[in-house]
Amino acid sequence: MTQYSMTPINNGTRLRSDHNTFASVIKSYNRGQLIVGDEVWEATADGPEVKRGDKWLHVTSVDGVNLTDRGWMAYIHKGIPVCNNFREIEDPPPPPVMFPESFTLVDPSGAKAEYVFVRIIEE
C-alpha cells in the first residue's frame, strides 16, 4: 500500500475527523513532526473554506507511532502550504527468490533424506 509523509510547518497543526476545517479537531501536532498517511484527498473546486487543488492527508501515524484516532491533516489549505516535505514512501522491493542449498524430507515413518541442489538448470 502506498504511503505518504509530510511535516507541519508550524506548531498546532490540526488533525481533523474529515478533510475540511468544519470537521472536529482530534489533536494538534507541532512543527517538524513526521506525519505519515495512506490516502491523499484533493479539492476539485473552490468553496467557502477550500480552494481547488487543496490537499489533505489521511494520517495513520505520527513520529512512527500508529494512531488509534486517525484523521485528516491539511498539506495545502486555501492555496497555502500547511505542511512541507511531502513525499511518497516507496514500498521496498520484494526479496529475491533464492533456492536453498539443500532441504531435508521426513516421511511418516520418521526416515529422513537430504536433497542437495547442484545447479539451476533453467532460469
Protein backbone atom coordinates (compact mmCIF):
# COMPACT_ATOMS: atom_id res chain seq x y z
CA MET A 1 0.00 0.00 0.00
CA THR A 2 1.33 3.42 -0.92
CA GLN A 3 2.06 5.75 1.96
CA TYR A 4 2.92 9.44 2.12
CA SER A 5 4.81 11.60 4.61
CA MET A 6 4.99 15.29 5.44
CA THR A 7 5.95 17.62 8.30
CA PRO A 8 3.92 20.53 9.73
CA ILE A 9 5.38 24.00 9.11
CA ASN A 10 4.04 25.48 12.39
CA ASN A 11 3.13 24.28 15.87
CA GLY A 12 -0.54 23.49 16.49
CA THR A 13 -1.27 21.91 13.10
CA ARG A 14 -4.61 20.18 13.49
CA LEU A 15 -5.65 16.61 12.80
CA ARG A 16 -9.38 16.59 11.98
CA SER A 17 -12.10 13.98 11.65
CA ASP A 18 -12.66 14.91 7.97
CA HIS A 19 -10.80 16.75 5.22
CA ASN A 20 -12.28 20.19 5.92
CA THR A 21 -11.96 22.92 8.56
CA PHE A 22 -15.55 22.42 9.71
CA ALA A 23 -14.68 18.92 10.99
CA SER A 24 -13.88 18.40 14.67
CA VAL A 25 -10.28 18.56 15.86
CA ILE A 26 -8.83 15.26 17.08
CA LYS A 27 -5.41 16.54 18.14
CA SER A 28 -2.74 19.09 17.21
CA TYR A 29 0.84 18.42 16.20
CA ASN A 30 3.98 20.53 16.09
CA ARG A 31 6.48 21.75 13.56
CA GLY A 32 8.81 19.07 12.24
CA GLN A 33 6.89 16.02 13.45
CA LEU A 34 6.81 13.19 10.90
CA ILE A 35 3.24 12.69 9.70
CA VAL A 36 2.51 9.52 7.69
CA GLY A 37 -0.72 8.67 5.91
CA ASP A 38 -2.26 6.33 3.40
CA GLU A 39 -4.61 8.47 1.30
CA VAL A 40 -4.49 11.93 -0.30
CA TRP A 41 -7.66 13.93 -0.91
CA GLU A 42 -7.56 16.83 -3.39
CA ALA A 43 -10.21 19.53 -3.78
CA THR A 44 -11.62 19.66 -7.31
CA ALA A 45 -13.41 23.02 -6.94
CA ASP A 46 -13.38 26.23 -4.89
CA GLY A 47 -15.72 26.53 -1.91
CA PRO A 48 -16.24 28.70 1.20
CA GLU A 49 -13.24 27.20 3.06
CA VAL A 50 -11.47 25.37 0.26
CA LYS A 51 -9.58 26.24 -2.89
CA ARG A 52 -9.26 23.96 -5.89
CA GLY A 53 -6.03 21.97 -5.56
CA ASP A 54 -6.02 21.92 -1.74
CA LYS A 55 -4.68 18.60 -0.46
CA TRP A 56 -5.27 16.71 2.78
CA LEU A 57 -3.58 13.54 4.03
CA HIS A 58 -5.39 10.75 5.91
CA VAL A 59 -2.98 10.33 8.83
CA THR A 60 -2.16 6.86 10.19
CA SER A 61 0.95 7.54 12.31
CA VAL A 62 2.97 10.38 13.82
CA ASP A 63 6.69 10.08 14.59
CA GLY A 64 6.49 6.34 13.97
CA VAL A 65 3.60 5.72 16.39
CA ASN A 66 0.36 4.35 14.90
CA LEU A 67 -2.71 6.44 15.73
CA THR A 68 -5.81 4.89 17.26
CA ASP A 69 -7.84 8.01 16.31
CA ARG A 70 -6.93 8.53 12.68
CA GLY A 71 -7.93 11.65 10.84
CA TRP A 72 -7.07 14.21 8.17
CA MET A 73 -4.41 16.93 8.12
CA ALA A 74 -4.07 19.64 5.50
CA TYR A 75 -1.00 19.66 3.31
CA ILE A 76 -2.27 22.69 1.39
CA HIS A 77 -5.28 24.69 2.63
CA LYS A 78 -6.81 27.62 0.70
CA GLY A 79 -3.77 27.50 -1.58
CA ILE A 80 -1.29 27.95 1.31
CA PRO A 81 1.08 25.16 2.44
CA VAL A 82 0.37 23.94 5.97
CA CYS A 83 2.96 21.16 5.81
CA ASN A 84 6.09 20.62 3.74
CA ASN A 85 8.47 17.82 2.76
CA PHE A 86 5.59 15.89 1.17
CA ARG A 87 6.86 12.57 -0.17
CA GLU A 88 5.53 9.29 -1.44
CA ILE A 89 7.06 6.48 0.60
CA GLU A 90 8.08 3.78 -1.82
CA ASP A 91 7.48 0.15 -0.92
CA PRO A 92 10.71 -1.80 -0.57
CA PRO A 93 11.34 -4.25 -3.40
CA PRO A 94 10.44 -7.85 -2.64
CA PRO A 95 13.36 -10.05 -1.62
CA PRO A 96 14.81 -12.15 -4.43
CA VAL A 97 13.65 -15.74 -4.67
CA MET A 98 16.52 -17.99 -3.69
CA PHE A 99 16.79 -21.76 -3.89
CA PRO A 100 18.07 -23.36 -0.71
CA GLU A 101 21.37 -25.22 -0.94
CA SER A 102 19.59 -28.30 0.40
CA PHE A 103 16.49 -29.48 2.23
CA THR A 104 15.54 -32.45 4.40
CA LEU A 105 12.44 -34.52 3.75
CA VAL A 106 10.92 -36.58 6.56
CA ASP A 107 8.42 -39.32 5.71
CA PRO A 108 5.62 -40.51 8.07
CA SER A 109 7.81 -43.31 9.48
CA GLY A 110 10.45 -40.78 10.58
CA ALA A 111 13.01 -41.65 7.90
CA LYS A 112 14.94 -38.62 6.69
CA ALA A 113 16.51 -37.84 3.34
CA GLU A 114 18.63 -34.78 2.49
CA TYR A 115 18.40 -33.40 -1.02
CA VAL A 116 21.24 -31.14 -2.19
CA PHE A 117 20.86 -28.80 -5.17
CA VAL A 118 23.81 -28.98 -7.54
CA ARG A 119 22.84 -26.40 -10.14
CA ILE A 120 19.91 -24.46 -11.58
CA ILE A 121 19.03 -25.99 -14.93
CA GLU A 122 16.65 -23.28 -16.14
CA GLU A 123 16.14 -19.63 -15.22
